[in-house]
């Protein structure tokens, strides 16, 4: 079992009120699954993704990642889990504008202390995998939205993570680019990668082999996608 979550709760405390973003989530994800998580704005899906990605910790409950209890780790240990085992892909790409595509993809390997020659080789391979071999020396401003998202995917793949977390990866793209990006995800899943994807678009969720709906901080349905 890659992910095992039991009775996960997240409560945000303000001066006046408590806001329960997650109200007791139970979720298990096996290796090599492609899970799409859907829900309206404010449903708790982004909060859940942040906890899955070790960017936040729950208020209550247990989160086991590869049998490691994430809720017991300190900040440095959480950072190590993120850097070694999780690849992140965001709607806004989160690329550094002054760096080339190649150098953006190299960044996780720099943080991991990989030497320059090896990390450049790995970054080039990742860019080739997403079809950007001829654009690796371009800066983000010289790339289309779809190409920037491909760089983001390559960066997520470069350290061979145990899981890929994608938060609205097609949200800033036109329909043609969205299909191209989702075909890349489809291919990555076919190769055995584990993918968790947040989306509000049904046609994007349809690429997953399992679709989860969240509302008001609770899972309302969790079904295999038989299409």
C-alpha atoms as a PDB file:
ATOM      1  CA  UNK A   1       0.000   0.000   0.000  1.00  0.00           C
ATOM      2  CA  UNK A   2       1.514   3.325  -1.068  1.00  0.00           C
ATOM      3  CA  UNK A   3      -0.945   5.606   0.747  1.00  0.00           C
ATOM      4  CA  UNK A   4      -3.098   4.673   3.730  1.00  0.00           C
ATOM      5  CA  UNK A   5      -5.121   7.475   5.337  1.00  0.00           C
ATOM      6  CA  UNK A   6      -7.389   6.914   8.315  1.00  0.00           C
ATOM      7  CA  UNK A   7      -9.885   9.445   9.726  1.00  0.00           C
ATOM      8  CA  UNK A   8      -7.909  12.423   8.431  1.00  0.00           C
ATOM      9  CA  UNK A   9      -9.117  15.811   9.658  1.00  0.00           C
ATOM     10  CA  UNK A  10      -7.848  19.330   9.063  1.00  0.00           C
ATOM     11  CA  UNK A  11      -9.164  22.231  11.100  1.00  0.00           C
ATOM     12  CA  UNK A  12      -8.133  25.840  10.545  1.00  0.00           C
ATOM     13  CA  UNK A  13      -8.537  28.043  13.594  1.00  0.00           C
ATOM     14  CA  UNK A  14      -9.224  31.756  13.205  1.00  0.00           C
ATOM     15  CA  UNK A  15      -9.835  34.298  15.952  1.00  0.00           C
ATOM     16  CA  UNK A  16     -13.586  33.841  15.637  1.00  0.00           C
ATOM     17  CA  UNK A  17     -14.329  30.398  14.216  1.00  0.00           C
ATOM     18  CA  UNK A  18     -13.002  26.963  13.422  1.00  0.00           C
ATOM     19  CA  UNK A  19     -13.105  25.877   9.782  1.00  0.00           C
ATOM     20  CA  UNK A  20     -13.111  22.129   9.160  1.00  0.00           C
ATOM     21  CA  UNK A  21     -11.495  21.648   5.742  1.00  0.00           C
ATOM     22  CA  UNK A  22     -11.358  17.846   6.052  1.00  0.00           C
ATOM     23  CA  UNK A  23     -13.882  15.962   8.178  1.00  0.00           C
ATOM     24  CA  UNK A  24     -12.608  12.406   8.429  1.00  0.00           C
ATOM     25  CA  UNK A  25     -11.059  11.177   5.184  1.00  0.00           C
ATOM     26  CA  UNK A  26     -10.324   7.485   4.702  1.00  0.00           C
ATOM     27  CA  UNK A  27      -8.304   6.724   1.572  1.00  0.00           C
ATOM     28  CA  UNK A  28      -6.039   3.962   0.315  1.00  0.00           C
ATOM     29  CA  UNK A  29      -3.997   4.158  -2.877  1.00  0.00           C
ATOM     30  CA  UNK A  30      -1.997   1.288  -4.327  1.00  0.00           C
ATOM     31  CA  UNK A  31       1.159   1.699  -6.402  1.00  0.00           C
ATOM     32  CA  UNK A  32       0.558   2.337 -10.125  1.00  0.00           C
ATOM     33  CA  UNK A  33      -2.968   3.710  -9.672  1.00  0.00           C
ATOM     34  CA  UNK A  34      -4.166   6.821 -11.528  1.00  0.00           C
ATOM     35  CA  UNK A  35      -6.616   8.564  -9.197  1.00  0.00           C
ATOM     36  CA  UNK A  36      -8.593  11.672 -10.154  1.00  0.00           C
ATOM     37  CA  UNK A  37      -9.998  13.754  -7.285  1.00  0.00           C
ATOM     38  CA  UNK A  38     -12.935  16.027  -8.070  1.00  0.00           C
ATOM     39  CA  UNK A  39     -14.918  18.509  -6.013  1.00  0.00           C
ATOM     40  CA  UNK A  40     -16.282  22.056  -6.027  1.00  0.00           C
ATOM     41  CA  UNK A  41     -14.308  25.037  -4.779  1.00  0.00           C
ATOM     42  CA  UNK A  42     -13.922  24.800  -1.004  1.00  0.00           C
ATOM     43  CA  UNK A  43     -14.562  21.044  -0.940  1.00  0.00           C
ATOM     44  CA  UNK A  44     -11.195  20.262   0.675  1.00  0.00           C
ATOM     45  CA  UNK A  45      -9.493  18.650  -2.311  1.00  0.00           C
ATOM     46  CA  UNK A  46      -6.540  21.068  -2.337  1.00  0.00           C
ATOM     47  CA  UNK A  47      -6.126  20.687   1.437  1.00  0.00           C
ATOM     48  CA  UNK A  48      -6.037  16.933   0.950  1.00  0.00           C
ATOM     49  CA  UNK A  49      -3.453  17.278  -1.830  1.00  0.00           C
ATOM     50  CA  UNK A  50      -1.250  19.476   0.383  1.00  0.00           C
ATOM     51  CA  UNK A  51      -1.300  16.843   3.116  1.00  0.00           C
ATOM     52  CA  UNK A  52      -0.646  14.024   0.641  1.00  0.00           C
ATOM     53  CA  UNK A  53       2.340  16.016  -0.635  1.00  0.00           C
ATOM     54  CA  UNK A  54       3.712  16.607   2.880  1.00  0.00           C
ATOM     55  CA  UNK A  55       3.235  20.351   2.452  1.00  0.00           C
ATOM     56  CA  UNK A  56       0.843  20.425   5.409  1.00  0.00           C
ATOM     57  CA  UNK A  57       0.011  18.162   8.340  1.00  0.00           C
ATOM     58  CA  UNK A  58      -3.420  17.000   9.526  1.00  0.00           C
ATOM     59  CA  UNK A  59      -5.073  18.108  12.743  1.00  0.00           C
ATOM     60  CA  UNK A  60      -6.158  14.538  13.471  1.00  0.00           C
ATOM     61  CA  UNK A  61      -5.862  11.090  11.929  1.00  0.00           C
ATOM     62  CA  UNK A  62      -3.089   9.003  10.424  1.00  0.00           C
ATOM     63  CA  UNK A  63      -1.281   9.230   7.095  1.00  0.00           C
ATOM     64  CA  UNK A  64       1.021   6.370   6.144  1.00  0.00           C
ATOM     65  CA  UNK A  65       3.167   6.867   3.039  1.00  0.00           C
ATOM     66  CA  UNK A  66       5.088   3.727   2.105  1.00  0.00           C
ATOM     67  CA  UNK A  67       4.366   2.540   5.663  1.00  0.00           C
ATOM     68  CA  UNK A  68       5.977   5.698   7.139  1.00  0.00           C
ATOM     69  CA  UNK A  69       3.729   7.647   9.536  1.00  0.00           C
ATOM     70  CA  UNK A  70       3.931  11.135   8.048  1.00  0.00           C
ATOM     71  CA  UNK A  71       2.167  12.697  11.041  1.00  0.00           C
ATOM     72  CA  UNK A  72       5.177  11.887  13.261  1.00  0.00           C
ATOM     73  CA  UNK A  73       7.839  13.538  11.078  1.00  0.00           C
ATOM     74  CA  UNK A  74       9.498  16.896  11.686  1.00  0.00           C
ATOM     75  CA  UNK A  75       9.913  19.599   9.022  1.00  0.00           C
ATOM     76  CA  UNK A  76      13.303  18.346   7.813  1.00  0.00           C
ATOM     77  CA  UNK A  77      12.009  14.792   7.509  1.00  0.00           C
ATOM     78  CA  UNK A  78       8.914  15.978   5.622  1.00  0.00           C
ATOM     79  CA  UNK A  79      11.159  17.952   3.271  1.00  0.00           C
ATOM     80  CA  UNK A  80      13.249  14.852   2.615  1.00  0.00           C
ATOM     81  CA  UNK A  81      10.106  12.847   1.760  1.00  0.00           C
ATOM     82  CA  UNK A  82       8.967  15.569  -0.657  1.00  0.00           C
ATOM     83  CA  UNK A  83      12.318  15.839  -2.396  1.00  0.00           C
ATOM     84  CA  UNK A  84      12.933  12.111  -2.801  1.00  0.00           C
ATOM     85  CA  UNK A  85       9.522  10.569  -3.263  1.00  0.00           C
ATOM     86  CA  UNK A  86       6.983  13.125  -4.560  1.00  0.00           C
ATOM     87  CA  UNK A  87       6.767  14.934  -7.893  1.00  0.00           C
ATOM     88  CA  UNK A  88       4.574  18.042  -7.956  1.00  0.00           C
ATOM     89  CA  UNK A  89       2.794  19.541 -10.962  1.00  0.00           C
ATOM     90  CA  UNK A  90       0.836  22.784 -10.582  1.00  0.00           C
ATOM     91  CA  UNK A  91      -1.689  24.723 -12.642  1.00  0.00           C
ATOM     92  CA  UNK A  92       0.587  27.785 -12.688  1.00  0.00           C
ATOM     93  CA  UNK A  93       3.679  25.721 -13.657  1.00  0.00           C
ATOM     94  CA  UNK A  94       5.854  27.305 -10.894  1.00  0.00           C
ATOM     95  CA  UNK A  95       8.873  27.659 -13.168  1.00  0.00           C
ATOM     96  CA  UNK A  96      11.680  30.133 -12.467  1.00  0.00           C
ATOM     97  CA  UNK A  97      11.476  32.682 -15.313  1.00  0.00           C
ATOM     98  CA  UNK A  98      15.210  33.398 -15.615  1.00  0.00           C
ATOM     99  CA  UNK A  99      16.202  29.755 -15.929  1.00  0.00           C
ATOM    100  CA  UNK A 100      16.076  27.599 -19.044  1.00  0.00           C
ATOM    101  CA  UNK A 101      13.792  24.586 -19.218  1.00  0.00           C
ATOM    102  CA  UNK A 102      16.827  22.390 -18.566  1.00  0.00           C
ATOM    103  CA  UNK A 103      17.861  24.286 -15.450  1.00  0.00           C
ATOM    104  CA  UNK A 104      14.281  24.345 -14.127  1.00  0.00           C
ATOM    105  CA  UNK A 105      14.135  20.564 -14.429  1.00  0.00           C
ATOM    106  CA  UNK A 106      17.521  20.224 -12.733  1.00  0.00           C
ATOM    107  CA  UNK A 107      16.425  22.023  -9.564  1.00  0.00           C
ATOM    108  CA  UNK A 108      15.171  19.010  -7.547  1.00  0.00           C
ATOM    109  CA  UNK A 109      18.455  17.243  -8.287  1.00  0.00           C
ATOM    110  CA  UNK A 110      20.459  20.256  -7.119  1.00  0.00           C
ATOM    111  CA  UNK A 111      18.608  20.170  -3.805  1.00  0.00           C
ATOM    112  CA  UNK A 112      19.354  16.450  -3.605  1.00  0.00           C
ATOM    113  CA  UNK A 113      23.088  17.123  -4.011  1.00  0.00           C
ATOM    114  CA  UNK A 114      23.482  15.375  -7.385  1.00  0.00           C
ATOM    115  CA  UNK A 115      26.605  16.416  -9.283  1.00  0.00           C
ATOM    116  CA  UNK A 116      26.234  18.680 -12.317  1.00  0.00           C
ATOM    117  CA  UNK A 117      27.022  16.188 -15.077  1.00  0.00           C
ATOM    118  CA  UNK A 118      24.620  13.564 -13.764  1.00  0.00           C
ATOM    119  CA  UNK A 119      21.769  15.966 -13.071  1.00  0.00           C
ATOM    120  CA  UNK A 120      22.047  17.513 -16.541  1.00  0.00           C
ATOM    121  CA  UNK A 121      21.894  14.065 -18.087  1.00  0.00           C
ATOM    122  CA  UNK A 122      18.816  13.148 -16.035  1.00  0.00           C
ATOM    123  CA  UNK A 123      17.143  16.476 -16.817  1.00  0.00           C
ATOM    124  CA  UNK A 124      17.746  16.065 -20.547  1.00  0.00           C
ATOM    125  CA  UNK A 125      16.270  12.575 -20.438  1.00  0.00           C
ATOM    126  CA  UNK A 126      13.169  13.858 -18.612  1.00  0.00           C
ATOM    127  CA  UNK A 127      12.674  16.650 -21.168  1.00  0.00           C
ATOM    128  CA  UNK A 128      13.076  14.208 -24.031  1.00  0.00           C
ATOM    129  CA  UNK A 129      10.412  12.035 -22.418  1.00  0.00           C
ATOM    130  CA  UNK A 130       7.859  14.867 -22.613  1.00  0.00           C
ATOM    131  CA  UNK A 131       8.832  15.838 -26.169  1.00  0.00           C
ATOM    132  CA  UNK A 132      10.922  18.935 -25.423  1.00  0.00           C
ATOM    133  CA  UNK A 133      14.380  17.870 -26.558  1.00  0.00           C
ATOM    134  CA  UNK A 134      14.484  20.847 -28.948  1.00  0.00           C
ATOM    135  CA  UNK A 135      13.318  23.397 -26.350  1.00  0.00           C
ATOM    136  CA  UNK A 136      15.484  22.588 -23.343  1.00  0.00           C
ATOM    137  CA  UNK A 137      17.529  25.787 -23.589  1.00  0.00           C
ATOM    138  CA  UNK A 138      14.487  28.069 -23.877  1.00  0.00           C
ATOM    139  CA  UNK A 139      13.234  30.122 -20.941  1.00  0.00           C
ATOM    140  CA  UNK A 140       9.581  29.826 -19.842  1.00  0.00           C
ATOM    141  CA  UNK A 141       8.673  33.106 -21.579  1.00  0.00           C
ATOM    142  CA  UNK A 142       9.783  31.542 -24.879  1.00  0.00           C
ATOM    143  CA  UNK A 143       7.490  28.536 -24.465  1.00  0.00           C
ATOM    144  CA  UNK A 144       3.764  28.043 -24.924  1.00  0.00           C
ATOM    145  CA  UNK A 145       1.541  27.153 -21.977  1.00  0.00           C
ATOM    146  CA  UNK A 146       1.503  23.516 -22.988  1.00  0.00           C
ATOM    147  CA  UNK A 147       5.285  23.456 -23.324  1.00  0.00           C
ATOM    148  CA  UNK A 148       5.694  25.072 -19.895  1.00  0.00           C
ATOM    149  CA  UNK A 149       3.513  22.389 -18.379  1.00  0.00           C
ATOM    150  CA  UNK A 150       5.652  19.759 -20.085  1.00  0.00           C
ATOM    151  CA  UNK A 151       8.692  21.290 -18.374  1.00  0.00           C
ATOM    152  CA  UNK A 152       6.790  21.089 -15.087  1.00  0.00           C
ATOM    153  CA  UNK A 153       6.044  17.402 -15.723  1.00  0.00           C
ATOM    154  CA  UNK A 154       9.692  16.725 -16.588  1.00  0.00           C
ATOM    155  CA  UNK A 155      10.763  18.420 -13.351  1.00  0.00           C
ATOM    156  CA  UNK A 156       8.314  16.229 -11.413  1.00  0.00           C
ATOM    157  CA  UNK A 157       9.713  13.091 -13.066  1.00  0.00           C
ATOM    158  CA  UNK A 158      13.425  13.835 -12.859  1.00  0.00           C
ATOM    159  CA  UNK A 159      14.057  12.296  -9.430  1.00  0.00           C
ATOM    160  CA  UNK A 160      11.971   9.194 -10.236  1.00  0.00           C
ATOM    161  CA  UNK A 161       9.374   9.866  -7.523  1.00  0.00           C
ATOM    162  CA  UNK A 162       7.153   7.274  -5.902  1.00  0.00           C
ATOM    163  CA  UNK A 163       4.080   9.360  -6.691  1.00  0.00           C
ATOM    164  CA  UNK A 164       3.118  12.280  -8.938  1.00  0.00           C
ATOM    165  CA  UNK A 165       0.704  14.864  -7.496  1.00  0.00           C
ATOM    166  CA  UNK A 166      -0.924  17.123 -10.091  1.00  0.00           C
ATOM    167  CA  UNK A 167      -3.121  20.049  -9.006  1.00  0.00           C
ATOM    168  CA  UNK A 168      -5.335  21.230 -11.898  1.00  0.00           C
ATOM    169  CA  UNK A 169      -2.522  20.582 -14.433  1.00  0.00           C
ATOM    170  CA  UNK A 170      -4.698  21.616 -17.396  1.00  0.00           C
ATOM    171  CA  UNK A 171      -6.394  24.576 -15.711  1.00  0.00           C
ATOM    172  CA  UNK A 172      -4.326  27.221 -17.542  1.00  0.00           C
ATOM    173  CA  UNK A 173      -4.294  25.457 -20.922  1.00  0.00           C
ATOM    174  CA  UNK A 174      -6.442  25.488 -24.049  1.00  0.00           C
ATOM    175  CA  UNK A 175      -8.326  22.359 -25.015  1.00  0.00           C
ATOM    176  CA  UNK A 176      -5.729  21.099 -27.515  1.00  0.00           C
ATOM    177  CA  UNK A 177      -2.841  21.523 -25.058  1.00  0.00           C
ATOM    178  CA  UNK A 178      -4.947  19.927 -22.309  1.00  0.00           C
ATOM    179  CA  UNK A 179      -5.422  16.785 -24.380  1.00  0.00           C
ATOM    180  CA  UNK A 180      -1.693  16.644 -25.170  1.00  0.00           C
ATOM    181  CA  UNK A 181      -0.795  16.960 -21.480  1.00  0.00           C
ATOM    182  CA  UNK A 182      -3.313  14.331 -20.421  1.00  0.00           C
ATOM    183  CA  UNK A 183      -1.956  11.942 -23.049  1.00  0.00           C
ATOM    184  CA  UNK A 184       1.448  12.357 -21.382  1.00  0.00           C
ATOM    185  CA  UNK A 185      -0.109  11.455 -18.035  1.00  0.00           C
ATOM    186  CA  UNK A 186      -1.785   8.466 -19.660  1.00  0.00           C
ATOM    187  CA  UNK A 187       1.578   7.294 -20.956  1.00  0.00           C
ATOM    188  CA  UNK A 188       3.246   7.811 -17.566  1.00  0.00           C
ATOM    189  CA  UNK A 189       0.547   5.725 -15.909  1.00  0.00           C
ATOM    190  CA  UNK A 190       0.967   3.026 -18.532  1.00  0.00           C
ATOM    191  CA  UNK A 191       4.659   2.889 -17.546  1.00  0.00           C
ATOM    192  CA  UNK A 192       3.683   2.168 -13.939  1.00  0.00           C
ATOM    193  CA  UNK A 193       3.747   5.627 -12.358  1.00  0.00           C
ATOM    194  CA  UNK A 194       1.340   6.401  -9.520  1.00  0.00           C
ATOM    195  CA  UNK A 195      -0.627   9.589 -10.216  1.00  0.00           C
ATOM    196  CA  UNK A 196      -3.051  11.589  -8.073  1.00  0.00           C
ATOM    197  CA  UNK A 197      -4.677  14.416  -9.981  1.00  0.00           C
ATOM    198  CA  UNK A 198      -7.024  17.165  -8.824  1.00  0.00           C
ATOM    199  CA  UNK A 199      -9.390  18.541 -11.428  1.00  0.00           C
ATOM    200  CA  UNK A 200     -12.844  20.051 -11.811  1.00  0.00           C
ATOM    201  CA  UNK A 201     -13.092  18.898 -15.420  1.00  0.00           C
ATOM    202  CA  UNK A 202     -14.895  15.619 -16.079  1.00  0.00           C
ATOM    203  CA  UNK A 203     -13.047  14.961 -19.337  1.00  0.00           C
ATOM    204  CA  UNK A 204      -9.716  15.281 -17.517  1.00  0.00           C
ATOM    205  CA  UNK A 205     -10.846  13.054 -14.641  1.00  0.00           C
ATOM    206  CA  UNK A 206     -11.889  10.443 -17.209  1.00  0.00           C
ATOM    207  CA  UNK A 207      -8.197   9.670 -17.834  1.00  0.00           C
ATOM    208  CA  UNK A 208      -7.941   8.199 -14.330  1.00  0.00           C
ATOM    209  CA  UNK A 209      -8.707   4.582 -13.554  1.00  0.00           C
ATOM    210  CA  UNK A 210     -10.407   5.693 -10.342  1.00  0.00           C
ATOM    211  CA  UNK A 211     -12.468   8.811  -9.634  1.00  0.00           C
ATOM    212  CA  UNK A 212     -13.049  10.252  -6.159  1.00  0.00           C
ATOM    213  CA  UNK A 213     -15.542  13.024  -5.397  1.00  0.00           C
ATOM    214  CA  UNK A 214     -15.100  15.261  -2.339  1.00  0.00           C
ATOM    215  CA  UNK A 215     -17.676  17.635  -0.880  1.00  0.00           C
ATOM    216  CA  UNK A 216     -17.599  19.576   2.388  1.00  0.00           C
ATOM    217  CA  UNK A 217     -14.380  17.875   3.464  1.00  0.00           C
ATOM    218  CA  UNK A 218     -15.662  14.333   3.012  1.00  0.00           C
ATOM    219  CA  UNK A 219     -15.403  11.706   0.288  1.00  0.00           C
ATOM    220  CA  UNK A 220     -18.856  11.285  -1.224  1.00  0.00           C
ATOM    221  CA  UNK A 221     -17.937   8.681  -3.823  1.00  0.00           C
ATOM    222  CA  UNK A 222     -14.930   6.562  -4.760  1.00  0.00           C
ATOM    223  CA  UNK A 223     -15.468   4.483  -7.889  1.00  0.00           C
ATOM    224  CA  UNK A 224     -13.363   2.726 -10.515  1.00  0.00           C
ATOM    225  CA  UNK A 225     -13.530   4.357 -13.934  1.00  0.00           C
ATOM    226  CA  UNK A 226     -14.797   1.640 -16.258  1.00  0.00           C
ATOM    227  CA  UNK A 227     -14.696   3.736 -19.443  1.00  0.00           C
END
